[in-house]
N, C-alpha and C. Protein backbone atom coordinates (compact mmCIF):
# COMPACT_ATOMS: atom_id res chain seq x y z
N MET A 1 23.55 -19.19 15.23
CA MET A 1 22.58 -19.61 14.24
C MET A 1 23.32 -20.09 12.99
N LYS A 2 22.88 -21.18 12.44
CA LYS A 2 23.52 -21.74 11.25
C LYS A 2 23.18 -20.89 10.02
N PRO A 3 24.05 -20.87 9.03
CA PRO A 3 23.78 -20.09 7.81
C PRO A 3 22.48 -20.51 7.12
N GLU A 4 22.15 -21.81 7.16
CA GLU A 4 20.91 -22.27 6.53
C GLU A 4 19.69 -21.71 7.25
N ASP A 5 19.77 -21.68 8.58
CA ASP A 5 18.67 -21.14 9.38
C ASP A 5 18.52 -19.65 9.13
N ARG A 6 19.65 -18.97 9.03
CA ARG A 6 19.63 -17.54 8.77
C ARG A 6 19.01 -17.23 7.41
N ALA A 7 19.36 -18.03 6.41
CA ALA A 7 18.82 -17.82 5.06
C ALA A 7 17.31 -18.06 5.05
N LYS A 8 16.85 -19.06 5.79
CA LYS A 8 15.42 -19.35 5.85
C LYS A 8 14.68 -18.21 6.55
N LEU A 9 15.25 -17.72 7.66
CA LEU A 9 14.64 -16.62 8.39
C LEU A 9 14.58 -15.37 7.52
N LEU A 10 15.65 -15.11 6.77
CA LEU A 10 15.68 -13.97 5.88
C LEU A 10 14.58 -14.06 4.84
N ASN A 11 14.41 -15.25 4.27
CA ASN A 11 13.36 -15.45 3.27
C ASN A 11 11.98 -15.24 3.88
N ASP A 12 11.76 -15.76 5.08
CA ASP A 12 10.48 -15.58 5.76
C ASP A 12 10.19 -14.11 6.04
N LEU A 13 11.20 -13.39 6.50
CA LEU A 13 11.02 -11.97 6.80
C LEU A 13 10.74 -11.17 5.54
N ARG A 14 11.40 -11.51 4.44
CA ARG A 14 11.13 -10.80 3.18
C ARG A 14 9.71 -11.05 2.70
N ASN A 15 9.22 -12.29 2.88
CA ASN A 15 7.83 -12.59 2.51
C ASN A 15 6.86 -11.82 3.39
N GLU A 16 7.16 -11.74 4.68
CA GLU A 16 6.29 -10.99 5.59
C GLU A 16 6.28 -9.51 5.22
N LEU A 17 7.45 -8.97 4.88
CA LEU A 17 7.53 -7.56 4.50
C LEU A 17 6.70 -7.30 3.25
N LEU A 18 6.75 -8.21 2.30
CA LEU A 18 5.95 -8.07 1.09
C LEU A 18 4.46 -8.04 1.42
N LYS A 19 4.03 -8.92 2.31
CA LYS A 19 2.62 -8.94 2.72
C LYS A 19 2.23 -7.64 3.43
N LEU A 20 3.12 -7.17 4.30
CA LEU A 20 2.84 -5.92 5.03
C LEU A 20 2.75 -4.73 4.08
N GLN A 21 3.63 -4.69 3.09
CA GLN A 21 3.60 -3.59 2.13
C GLN A 21 2.32 -3.64 1.29
N THR A 22 1.87 -4.85 0.98
CA THR A 22 0.62 -5.00 0.24
C THR A 22 -0.55 -4.51 1.08
N GLN A 23 -0.56 -4.88 2.36
CA GLN A 23 -1.61 -4.43 3.26
C GLN A 23 -1.59 -2.90 3.40
N LYS A 24 -0.41 -2.34 3.42
CA LYS A 24 -0.28 -0.89 3.55
C LYS A 24 -0.88 -0.19 2.34
N GLU A 25 -0.63 -0.73 1.16
CA GLU A 25 -1.18 -0.15 -0.06
C GLU A 25 -2.70 -0.22 -0.09
N ARG A 26 -3.24 -1.31 0.43
CA ARG A 26 -4.69 -1.49 0.46
C ARG A 26 -5.35 -0.70 1.57
N GLY A 27 -4.57 -0.30 2.55
CA GLY A 27 -5.11 0.44 3.68
C GLY A 27 -5.63 -0.46 4.78
N THR A 28 -5.22 -1.73 4.80
CA THR A 28 -5.71 -2.66 5.82
C THR A 28 -4.64 -3.04 6.84
N LEU A 29 -3.58 -2.28 6.90
CA LEU A 29 -2.47 -2.58 7.80
C LEU A 29 -2.87 -2.26 9.24
N GLU A 30 -2.81 -3.27 10.11
CA GLU A 30 -3.22 -3.09 11.51
C GLU A 30 -2.11 -2.50 12.37
N ASN A 31 -0.86 -2.93 12.12
CA ASN A 31 0.25 -2.49 12.95
C ASN A 31 1.35 -1.91 12.06
N PRO A 32 1.34 -0.61 11.81
CA PRO A 32 2.34 0.00 10.94
C PRO A 32 3.77 -0.11 11.46
N GLY A 33 3.93 -0.23 12.75
CA GLY A 33 5.26 -0.35 13.34
C GLY A 33 5.94 -1.67 13.00
N ARG A 34 5.16 -2.65 12.62
CA ARG A 34 5.72 -3.96 12.29
C ARG A 34 6.58 -3.89 11.03
N VAL A 35 6.25 -2.99 10.10
CA VAL A 35 7.04 -2.84 8.88
C VAL A 35 8.46 -2.44 9.24
N ARG A 36 8.59 -1.50 10.13
CA ARG A 36 9.90 -1.03 10.56
C ARG A 36 10.69 -2.15 11.25
N THR A 37 10.02 -2.90 12.10
CA THR A 37 10.66 -3.99 12.82
C THR A 37 11.18 -5.05 11.87
N VAL A 38 10.39 -5.41 10.88
CA VAL A 38 10.78 -6.44 9.93
C VAL A 38 11.96 -5.95 9.07
N ARG A 39 11.89 -4.69 8.64
CA ARG A 39 12.99 -4.14 7.84
C ARG A 39 14.30 -4.14 8.61
N ARG A 40 14.23 -3.81 9.89
CA ARG A 40 15.44 -3.80 10.71
C ARG A 40 15.99 -5.21 10.93
N ALA A 41 15.08 -6.17 11.11
CA ALA A 41 15.52 -7.56 11.29
C ALA A 41 16.21 -8.06 10.02
N ILE A 42 15.69 -7.71 8.86
CA ILE A 42 16.32 -8.07 7.59
C ILE A 42 17.70 -7.46 7.51
N ALA A 43 17.82 -6.20 7.87
CA ALA A 43 19.11 -5.51 7.82
C ALA A 43 20.12 -6.16 8.77
N ARG A 44 19.67 -6.57 9.93
CA ARG A 44 20.58 -7.22 10.89
C ARG A 44 21.11 -8.53 10.33
N ILE A 45 20.22 -9.32 9.75
CA ILE A 45 20.64 -10.61 9.20
C ILE A 45 21.63 -10.40 8.06
N LEU A 46 21.34 -9.45 7.17
CA LEU A 46 22.24 -9.18 6.06
C LEU A 46 23.60 -8.68 6.54
N THR A 47 23.61 -7.89 7.59
CA THR A 47 24.86 -7.40 8.16
C THR A 47 25.71 -8.56 8.68
N ILE A 48 25.07 -9.46 9.40
CA ILE A 48 25.80 -10.62 9.92
C ILE A 48 26.35 -11.47 8.79
N MET A 49 25.55 -11.68 7.76
CA MET A 49 25.98 -12.49 6.62
C MET A 49 27.17 -11.83 5.91
N ASN A 50 27.12 -10.52 5.74
CA ASN A 50 28.22 -9.80 5.09
C ASN A 50 29.48 -9.83 5.93
N GLU A 51 29.34 -9.70 7.25
CA GLU A 51 30.51 -9.76 8.13
C GLU A 51 31.18 -11.13 8.05
N GLU A 52 30.39 -12.18 8.04
CA GLU A 52 30.95 -13.53 7.95
C GLU A 52 31.61 -13.75 6.60
N ALA A 53 31.03 -13.22 5.54
CA ALA A 53 31.63 -13.37 4.22
C ALA A 53 32.97 -12.65 4.15
N ARG A 54 33.03 -11.47 4.72
CA ARG A 54 34.29 -10.71 4.74
C ARG A 54 35.35 -11.43 5.55
N ARG A 55 34.92 -11.99 6.70
CA ARG A 55 35.86 -12.72 7.54
C ARG A 55 36.44 -13.94 6.81
N SER A 56 35.60 -14.65 6.08
CA SER A 56 36.08 -15.83 5.39
C SER A 56 36.99 -15.46 4.22
N VAL A 57 36.73 -14.35 3.55
CA VAL A 57 37.60 -13.90 2.46
C VAL A 57 38.93 -13.46 3.03
N LYS A 58 38.89 -12.72 4.14
CA LYS A 58 40.11 -12.23 4.76
C LYS A 58 40.97 -13.39 5.27
N ALA A 59 40.33 -14.41 5.80
CA ALA A 59 41.06 -15.57 6.31
C ALA A 59 41.68 -16.37 5.16
N GLY A 60 41.08 -16.31 4.00
CA GLY A 60 41.58 -17.06 2.85
C GLY A 60 42.73 -16.40 2.15
N GLU A 61 43.01 -15.16 2.45
CA GLU A 61 44.09 -14.43 1.77
C GLU A 61 45.45 -14.91 2.19
């Protein structure tokens, strides 16, 4: 996946998480498990981005 695609997906997931958290506060959340899934997907993307950043810094030394 290209870095631009990853950044777009990350932004979309963060927006979805915000909507889910709002629904949770209102008490209208239909699928509470989706919050966990979205949070984990965000964490995975951030992990990949951090690994690539570390690799590029290490290669530049």
